[in-house]
N, C-alpha and C. Protein backbone atom coordinates (compact mmCIF):
# COMPACT_ATOMS: atom_id res chain seq x y z
N MET A 1 0.90 -1.45 0.34
CA MET A 1 0.27 0.00 0.11
C MET A 1 1.40 1.22 0.18
N ASP A 2 2.36 1.21 0.78
CA ASP A 2 2.88 2.39 0.87
C ASP A 2 2.84 2.54 -0.80
N ARG A 3 4.01 1.71 -1.29
CA ARG A 3 4.57 2.00 -3.07
C ARG A 3 2.97 2.76 -3.40
N TYR A 4 1.96 2.02 -3.31
CA TYR A 4 0.74 2.59 -4.22
C TYR A 4 1.39 4.89 -3.99
N TRP A 5 0.58 4.54 -2.57
CA TRP A 5 0.55 6.65 -2.02
C TRP A 5 1.82 7.32 -2.49
N ARG A 6 2.58 6.02 -3.27
CA ARG A 6 4.22 7.20 -3.11
C ARG A 6 3.75 7.14 -4.69
N LEU A 7 3.16 6.15 -5.19
CA LEU A 7 3.45 6.24 -6.90
C LEU A 7 2.29 7.65 -7.52
N VAL A 8 1.16 7.16 -6.75
CA VAL A 8 0.26 8.82 -6.79
C VAL A 8 0.73 9.91 -6.47
N TRP A 9 1.12 9.91 -5.59
CA TRP A 9 2.12 11.63 -5.20
C TRP A 9 2.68 11.24 -5.91
N ILE A 10 3.78 10.26 -6.34
CA ILE A 10 4.19 11.15 -8.23
C ILE A 10 3.66 11.43 -9.00
N VAL A 11 2.56 10.57 -9.66
CA VAL A 11 1.81 10.80 -10.84
C VAL A 11 1.25 12.87 -10.23
N ASN A 12 0.28 12.59 -9.22
CA ASN A 12 -0.41 14.00 -9.54
C ASN A 12 0.69 15.31 -9.33
N GLY A 13 2.02 14.81 -8.80
CA GLY A 13 3.29 16.08 -8.38
C GLY A 13 3.01 16.72 -6.84
N TRP A 14 2.38 15.58 -6.09
CA TRP A 14 2.81 16.01 -4.58
C TRP A 14 3.95 16.54 -3.88
N GLN A 15 3.91 16.36 -2.95
CA GLN A 15 5.17 16.14 -2.45
C GLN A 15 5.16 14.16 -1.02
N VAL A 16 5.79 14.28 -2.10
CA VAL A 16 6.21 12.33 -0.88
C VAL A 16 6.04 11.96 0.59
N VAL A 17 4.98 11.80 0.91
CA VAL A 17 5.26 11.90 2.83
C VAL A 17 5.81 10.94 2.67
N PRO A 18 6.82 10.45 3.68
CA PRO A 18 7.45 9.20 4.00
C PRO A 18 6.45 8.25 5.11
N ASP A 19 6.39 7.04 5.23
CA ASP A 19 5.96 6.45 6.53
C ASP A 19 4.47 6.52 7.82
N LEU A 20 3.31 7.19 6.26
CA LEU A 20 2.33 6.99 6.25
C LEU A 20 1.06 5.67 6.99
N ILE A 21 1.71 4.70 7.02
CA ILE A 21 1.59 3.53 7.39
C ILE A 21 0.58 4.12 8.47
N PRO A 22 1.16 5.00 9.97
CA PRO A 22 -0.21 4.59 10.56
C PRO A 22 -1.79 5.09 10.56
N VAL A 23 -1.84 6.20 9.13
CA VAL A 23 -2.96 6.56 9.15
C VAL A 23 -3.40 6.16 8.04
N TYR A 24 -2.97 4.52 7.47
CA TYR A 24 -4.41 3.84 6.84
C TYR A 24 -5.16 3.39 7.26
N PRO A 25 -5.16 3.16 8.82
CA PRO A 25 -6.57 2.06 9.17
C PRO A 25 -7.13 3.31 9.34
N ARG A 26 -7.14 4.79 9.92
CA ARG A 26 -8.11 5.84 9.85
C ARG A 26 -8.89 5.77 8.79
N LEU A 27 -7.56 6.01 7.26
CA LEU A 27 -8.29 6.54 6.10
C LEU A 27 -8.98 5.35 5.93
N VAL A 28 -9.39 4.19 6.23
CA VAL A 28 -10.23 3.17 5.60
C VAL A 28 -11.16 2.96 6.18
N GLN A 29 -10.83 3.05 7.91
CA GLN A 29 -12.30 4.22 8.43
C GLN A 29 -13.26 5.14 7.68
N ALA A 30 -12.86 6.19 7.81
CA ALA A 30 -13.78 7.82 6.98
C ALA A 30 -13.45 6.57 6.06
N LEU A 31 -13.13 6.33 5.04
CA LEU A 31 -14.11 5.42 4.21
C LEU A 31 -14.77 4.93 4.23
N ARG A 32 -14.86 4.06 4.85
CA ARG A 32 -16.21 3.38 5.52
C ARG A 32 -17.36 3.96 5.71
N HIS A 33 -16.79 4.91 6.85
CA HIS A 33 -18.16 5.25 6.75
C HIS A 33 -18.49 6.62 5.68
N ARG A 34 -17.65 6.84 5.11
CA ARG A 34 -18.43 7.46 3.64
C ARG A 34 -19.50 6.77 2.91
N LEU A 35 -19.24 6.09 2.68
CA LEU A 35 -19.89 4.67 1.66
C LEU A 35 -21.21 4.26 2.98
N ARG A 36 -21.11 4.74 4.45
CA ARG A 36 -22.36 4.14 4.47
C ARG A 36 -23.08 5.29 4.82
N THR A 37 -22.34 6.48 4.91
CA THR A 37 -23.51 7.81 4.65
C THR A 37 -24.00 7.81 3.58
N GLU A 38 -23.35 7.53 3.11
CA GLU A 38 -24.20 7.78 1.32
C GLU A 38 -25.01 6.73 1.31
N ALA A 39 -25.33 5.53 1.62
CA ALA A 39 -25.54 4.44 1.51
C ALA A 39 -27.03 4.49 2.02
N ASP A 40 -26.51 5.28 2.99
CA ASP A 40 -27.71 5.92 3.71
C ASP A 40 -28.76 6.97 2.89
N ARG A 41 -28.45 7.25 2.64
CA ARG A 41 -29.05 8.41 2.27
C ARG A 41 -29.18 8.18 1.34
N ILE A 42 -29.53 7.52 0.14
CA ILE A 42 -29.37 6.71 -1.44
C ILE A 42 -30.62 5.82 -0.96
N GLY A 43 -30.98 5.66 0.39
CA GLY A 43 -32.20 5.13 1.02
C GLY A 43 -31.96 3.22 0.64
N GLY A 44 -30.66 3.04 2.06
CA GLY A 44 -30.15 2.02 2.20
C GLY A 44 -29.16 1.78 1.30
N ALA A 45 -28.71 0.20 2.51
CA ALA A 45 -26.48 -0.50 2.38
C ALA A 45 -26.94 -1.80 1.55
N ASP A 46 -28.15 -2.14 1.21
CA ASP A 46 -28.53 -2.98 0.36
C ASP A 46 -26.95 -4.30 -0.52
N HIS A 47 -26.80 -3.15 -1.08
CA HIS A 47 -25.93 -3.29 -2.21
C HIS A 47 -24.87 -3.02 -2.36
N ILE A 48 -24.70 -2.91 -0.68
CA ILE A 48 -23.00 -2.07 -0.22
C ILE A 48 -21.94 -3.56 0.33
N ASN A 49 -21.34 -3.80 -0.34
CA ASN A 49 -20.70 -4.41 0.76
C ASN A 49 -19.92 -4.14 1.58
N PRO A 50 -20.56 -5.44 3.01
CA PRO A 50 -19.82 -4.50 3.63
C PRO A 50 -18.35 -4.63 4.07
N ARG A 51 -17.61 -5.29 3.34
CA ARG A 51 -16.19 -5.97 3.63
C ARG A 51 -15.91 -4.87 2.72
N VAL A 52 -16.10 -3.95 2.37
CA VAL A 52 -15.10 -2.46 1.66
C VAL A 52 -14.19 -2.27 2.55
C-alpha cells in the first residue's frame, strides 16, 4: 500500500510523505463511514458490500 500512495503522489506532482502507514487504518475507517453515509442517503445499504 505504501508503494501505491507514493506513486499516486508522484503522478499528481505532490510532495512524497514518508511513513504514513499509521494513517491507513484511519483512512479506511473514514472511507467506510462515508460509504455507509452515502448508502443511507440513497435509501439503504443492501447493495453495498460490507467488506469494502
